[in-house]
Amino acid sequence: MAKSSTALYLYCVVRAPRRPGFARVPRGLREAAAPEAHRLAASLWLITATVPLAVYGPAALEPRLRDLDWVAEAAVAHESVVEYFTRARGTIVIPMKLFTMFSSLEKAIVEVGEGRAEIERAMKRIAGSEEWGVRVARLPAASAVARGPAQRPASGAAFLAARKDARDATALARASAVAAAEKAFIRLGRYAREARRRERRPEPGTNPPVLEAAFLVKSAARARFKAEARRQAAACASAGAEMTLTGPWPAYNFVASQETPS
């Protein structure tokens, strides 16, 4: 029997009363077939696409994962398909991790079906809600050009004192930004069903974010949440920090972790 040259890529699991529509569905991953729906159970659908192993098989995928531009493009394509179904009326969507694949549709139905109880619990938790992201970072200090030319310290002691003052100022600015971020997290959490701090990712540079968080917000509370976000952004700015709000997103941070099958 000839070995298959394709795999089944899984974008998400959708609860919908009937087969989801695909009238304007995004194309999805590069070199993948068009997305399609397969019934998992009553009102549950797998949104999948056939992908070539020459591109997405383990041997081909591993070196591509080092190409951040390629991975970013794939992530945007994956997200666009998930968001399409999130926006559909009457649906609840459990997004899958990027590059979740199975050797066949039959295996996907069996393995995802084994986690159906967990999927049902996650859908109950996120029903009628959407995810919003918040990021708070300390604003960079004024540039040397803006401050004008630096004066040469009169002595070694003056130089050391100036260095200490600069370190103290930096520490104070960061403490102020952290306090403002903590207040924002607490205040925004009052308008959310759940709030989670996200793990801070290593980033180049010397000014990492002081807070990255996700909020699960009822759709009916969106306006109040955004109004509070505007107030907290202003408070952060007064504390020398910048708060960025993104969303609404599919509830990636509030569904059970889905492991990518081998």
Protein backbone atom coordinates (compact mmCIF):
# COMPACT_ATOMS: atom_id res chain seq x y z
CA MET A 1 0.00 0.00 0.00
CA ALA A 2 1.43 3.37 -1.03
CA LYS A 3 2.36 5.69 1.79
CA SER A 4 0.27 8.87 1.94
CA SER A 5 1.97 12.10 0.88
CA THR A 6 -0.39 14.28 2.92
CA ALA A 7 -1.52 14.85 6.49
CA LEU A 8 -4.65 16.33 7.99
CA TYR A 9 -4.18 19.76 9.52
CA LEU A 10 -6.60 20.77 12.30
CA TYR A 11 -7.41 24.46 12.75
CA CYS A 12 -10.13 24.25 15.39
CA VAL A 13 -13.16 22.45 16.77
CA VAL A 14 -16.47 24.25 16.27
CA ARG A 15 -19.81 23.83 17.99
CA ALA A 16 -22.54 24.79 15.55
CA PRO A 17 -26.12 23.60 15.07
CA ARG A 18 -25.40 22.74 11.41
CA ARG A 19 -22.40 22.32 9.15
CA PRO A 20 -20.46 25.60 9.22
CA GLY A 21 -20.53 27.76 6.11
CA PHE A 22 -17.42 28.42 4.04
CA ALA A 23 -18.62 31.22 1.75
CA ARG A 24 -15.74 33.60 2.54
CA VAL A 25 -13.39 31.41 4.53
CA PRO A 26 -9.72 32.47 4.29
CA ARG A 27 -7.36 30.33 2.26
CA GLY A 28 -5.44 29.17 5.31
CA LEU A 29 -1.90 27.81 5.33
CA ARG A 30 0.26 28.12 2.26
CA GLU A 31 0.13 25.01 0.05
CA ALA A 32 -2.74 23.56 2.09
CA ALA A 33 -6.02 22.55 0.54
CA ALA A 34 -9.08 24.69 1.24
CA PRO A 35 -10.51 24.31 4.76
CA GLU A 36 -13.43 21.94 5.21
CA ALA A 37 -15.64 20.62 8.00
CA HIS A 38 -15.98 17.06 9.28
CA ARG A 39 -18.52 15.97 11.88
CA LEU A 40 -16.98 14.87 15.18
CA ALA A 41 -20.28 14.43 17.01
CA ALA A 42 -23.70 16.04 17.15
CA SER A 43 -23.11 19.80 16.66
CA LEU A 44 -19.32 19.37 16.84
CA TRP A 45 -17.18 19.88 13.75
CA LEU A 46 -13.49 19.56 12.95
CA ILE A 47 -12.21 22.34 10.69
CA THR A 48 -9.38 20.79 8.73
CA ALA A 49 -7.28 20.98 5.59
CA THR A 50 -5.09 18.51 3.75
CA VAL A 51 -1.42 19.55 3.79
CA PRO A 52 1.58 18.11 1.90
CA LEU A 53 4.10 16.23 4.00
CA ALA A 54 6.80 17.65 1.74
CA VAL A 55 6.13 20.99 3.49
CA TYR A 56 4.54 20.07 6.82
CA GLY A 57 5.94 16.63 7.58
CA PRO A 58 8.38 16.38 10.53
CA ALA A 59 11.52 16.30 8.40
CA ALA A 60 10.45 19.33 6.36
CA LEU A 61 8.85 21.28 9.20
CA GLU A 62 11.70 21.21 11.72
CA PRO A 63 14.12 23.38 9.70
CA ARG A 64 11.29 25.72 8.68
CA LEU A 65 10.54 26.44 12.33
CA ARG A 66 13.84 28.33 12.49
CA ASP A 67 12.54 30.73 9.84
CA LEU A 68 10.60 33.20 11.99
CA ASP A 69 9.06 34.96 9.00
CA TRP A 70 7.70 31.67 7.67
CA VAL A 71 6.32 30.70 11.09
CA ALA A 72 4.73 34.14 11.51
CA GLU A 73 3.05 33.83 8.11
CA ALA A 74 1.72 30.39 9.04
CA ALA A 75 0.45 31.68 12.39
CA VAL A 76 -1.45 34.53 10.72
CA ALA A 77 -2.97 32.13 8.19
CA HIS A 78 -3.98 29.70 10.96
CA GLU A 79 -5.47 32.52 13.02
CA SER A 80 -7.45 33.90 10.08
CA VAL A 81 -9.30 30.60 9.66
CA VAL A 82 -10.00 30.28 13.40
CA GLU A 83 -11.29 33.87 13.57
CA TYR A 84 -13.59 33.28 10.61
CA PHE A 85 -15.50 30.64 12.55
CA THR A 86 -15.33 32.62 15.80
CA ARG A 87 -17.23 35.44 14.10
CA ALA A 88 -20.01 33.16 12.85
CA ARG A 89 -23.27 33.57 14.74
CA GLY A 90 -24.14 30.83 17.21
CA THR A 91 -20.73 29.12 17.21
CA ILE A 92 -18.26 28.29 19.97
CA VAL A 93 -14.70 27.66 18.82
CA ILE A 94 -11.83 25.76 20.44
CA PRO A 95 -8.69 26.83 18.56
CA MET A 96 -5.91 24.31 18.10
CA LYS A 97 -2.21 24.96 18.46
CA LEU A 98 -0.30 25.89 15.34
CA PHE A 99 0.79 22.80 13.36
CA THR A 100 -1.66 20.34 14.96
CA MET A 101 -1.75 17.47 12.46
CA PHE A 102 -2.92 13.89 12.11
CA SER A 103 -2.01 11.14 9.69
CA SER A 104 -5.66 10.74 8.59
CA LEU A 105 -9.18 12.00 9.18
CA GLU A 106 -10.06 8.76 10.94
CA LYS A 107 -7.22 9.21 13.41
CA ALA A 108 -8.21 12.84 14.00
CA ILE A 109 -11.80 11.85 14.79
CA VAL A 110 -10.67 9.14 17.19
CA GLU A 111 -8.00 11.17 19.02
CA VAL A 112 -9.96 14.42 19.26
CA GLY A 113 -13.04 12.43 20.23
CA GLU A 114 -11.15 10.97 23.17
CA GLY A 115 -10.83 14.49 24.55
CA ARG A 116 -14.45 15.39 23.90
CA ALA A 117 -15.33 15.78 27.60
CA GLU A 118 -12.52 18.28 28.02
CA ILE A 119 -13.61 20.10 24.85
CA GLU A 120 -17.18 20.33 26.14
CA ARG A 121 -15.98 21.77 29.46
CA ALA A 122 -13.85 24.35 27.67
CA MET A 123 -16.73 25.35 25.42
CA LYS A 124 -18.99 25.83 28.41
CA ARG A 125 -16.33 28.02 30.03
CA ILE A 126 -15.81 30.34 27.05
CA ALA A 127 -19.37 30.46 25.68
CA GLY A 128 -20.49 34.02 24.99
CA SER A 129 -17.03 35.39 25.72
CA GLU A 130 -13.98 36.67 23.87
CA GLU A 131 -10.32 37.06 24.71
CA TRP A 132 -8.53 40.40 25.03
CA GLY A 133 -4.80 40.89 25.47
CA VAL A 134 -3.03 43.56 27.50
CA ARG A 135 0.63 44.43 27.38
CA VAL A 136 2.31 47.03 29.57
CA ALA A 137 5.88 48.19 28.95
CA ARG A 138 7.91 50.97 30.49
CA LEU A 139 8.32 53.92 28.16
CA PRO A 140 11.94 54.44 27.11
CA ALA A 141 13.76 57.25 28.83
CA ALA A 142 14.29 60.47 26.94
CA SER A 143 17.15 60.20 24.49
CA ALA A 144 20.47 61.82 25.10
CA VAL A 145 19.79 64.13 22.17
CA ALA A 146 16.55 65.34 23.75
CA ARG A 147 18.35 65.98 27.05
CA GLY A 148 21.12 67.90 25.34
CA PRO A 149 24.89 67.28 25.45
CA ALA A 150 26.14 65.52 28.56
CA GLN A 151 28.57 67.42 30.74
CA ARG A 152 31.84 65.80 31.78
CA PRO A 153 31.78 64.98 35.52
CA ALA A 154 34.08 67.21 37.54
CA SER A 155 35.63 64.19 39.29
CA GLY A 156 35.57 60.43 39.60
CA ALA A 157 33.27 60.74 42.63
CA ALA A 158 30.87 62.89 40.61
CA PHE A 159 30.90 60.29 37.82
CA LEU A 160 30.03 57.48 40.24
CA ALA A 161 27.30 59.61 41.82
CA ALA A 162 25.82 60.32 38.39
CA ARG A 163 25.85 56.62 37.55
CA LYS A 164 24.08 55.83 40.83
CA ASP A 165 21.47 58.52 40.17
CA ALA A 166 20.83 57.05 36.73
CA ARG A 167 20.42 53.53 38.13
CA ASP A 168 18.11 54.80 40.88
CA ALA A 169 16.01 56.70 38.34
CA THR A 170 15.71 53.60 36.16
CA ALA A 171 14.71 51.43 39.11
CA LEU A 172 12.14 54.01 40.24
CA ALA A 173 10.67 54.26 36.74
CA ARG A 174 10.36 50.49 36.48
CA ALA A 175 8.76 50.24 39.93
CA SER A 176 6.24 52.90 38.92
CA ALA A 177 5.44 51.02 35.69
CA VAL A 178 5.08 47.72 37.56
CA ALA A 179 2.70 49.30 40.07
CA ALA A 180 0.58 50.80 37.29
CA ALA A 181 0.51 47.46 35.44
CA GLU A 182 -0.57 45.62 38.60
CA LYS A 183 -3.37 48.10 39.18
CA ALA A 184 -4.49 47.74 35.54
CA PHE A 185 -4.55 43.94 35.85
CA ILE A 186 -6.72 44.11 38.98
CA ARG A 187 -9.11 46.76 37.64
CA LEU A 188 -9.56 45.07 34.26
CA GLY A 189 -10.07 41.73 35.98
CA ARG A 190 -13.26 43.12 37.52
CA TYR A 191 -14.83 43.19 34.06
CA ALA A 192 -13.62 39.73 33.02
CA ARG A 193 -14.80 36.22 33.73
CA GLU A 194 -11.17 35.13 34.02
CA ALA A 195 -7.80 36.86 33.87
CA ARG A 196 -4.42 35.24 33.36
CA ARG A 197 -0.92 36.59 33.37
CA ARG A 198 0.99 35.32 30.38
CA GLU A 199 4.55 34.10 30.65
CA ARG A 200 6.95 36.85 29.66
CA ARG A 201 8.76 35.83 26.51
CA PRO A 202 12.49 36.56 26.18
CA GLU A 203 12.90 39.54 23.88
CA PRO A 204 15.91 41.40 22.57
CA GLY A 205 16.73 44.73 24.19
CA THR A 206 16.70 45.98 27.75
CA ASN A 207 13.06 46.99 28.18
CA PRO A 208 10.91 43.84 28.42
CA PRO A 209 7.19 44.23 29.18
CA VAL A 210 6.26 44.41 32.85
CA LEU A 211 2.91 42.73 32.18
CA GLU A 212 1.40 40.50 29.52
CA ALA A 213 -2.09 39.29 30.37
CA ALA A 214 -5.18 37.78 28.80
CA PHE A 215 -8.76 38.45 29.84
CA LEU A 216 -11.84 36.38 29.09
CA VAL A 217 -14.61 38.95 28.72
CA LYS A 218 -18.32 38.38 28.14
CA SER A 219 -19.35 39.89 24.83
CA ALA A 220 -21.99 41.91 26.67
CA ALA A 221 -19.28 43.44 28.89
CA ARG A 222 -17.00 44.45 26.02
CA ALA A 223 -17.86 48.18 26.12
CA ARG A 224 -17.29 48.44 29.88
CA PHE A 225 -14.03 46.49 29.65
CA LYS A 226 -12.72 48.73 26.87
CA ALA A 227 -13.73 51.87 28.77
CA GLU A 228 -11.78 50.65 31.80
CA ALA A 229 -8.86 49.80 29.51
CA ARG A 230 -8.80 53.42 28.30
CA ARG A 231 -8.72 54.65 31.90
CA GLN A 232 -5.91 52.27 32.80
CA ALA A 233 -3.93 53.19 29.66
CA ALA A 234 -4.06 56.83 30.79
CA ALA A 235 -2.96 55.84 34.30
CA CYS A 236 -0.08 53.80 32.88
CA ALA A 237 1.01 56.73 30.71
CA SER A 238 1.10 58.96 33.80
CA ALA A 239 3.33 56.35 35.43
CA GLY A 240 5.74 56.30 32.49
CA ALA A 241 4.38 53.13 30.91
CA GLU A 242 2.50 52.26 27.75
CA MET A 243 -0.49 49.90 27.80
CA THR A 244 -1.56 48.17 24.60
CA LEU A 245 -4.94 46.46 24.23
CA THR A 246 -5.52 43.87 21.50
CA GLY A 247 -8.55 41.81 20.58
CA PRO A 248 -11.05 40.40 20.47
CA TRP A 249 -9.36 37.05 19.86
CA PRO A 250 -10.40 33.41 20.00
CA ALA A 251 -9.97 32.20 23.58
CA TYR A 252 -6.55 30.57 23.15
CA ASN A 253 -5.50 31.22 26.73
CA PHE A 254 -8.70 29.90 28.31
CA VAL A 255 -9.13 26.49 26.73
CA ALA A 256 -7.38 23.32 27.82
CA SER A 257 -3.98 22.83 26.21
CA GLN A 258 -4.18 20.65 23.12
CA GLU A 259 -1.14 18.49 22.50
CA THR A 260 0.06 18.10 18.93
CA PRO A 261 -0.19 14.41 17.98
CA SER A 262 2.86 12.62 16.65
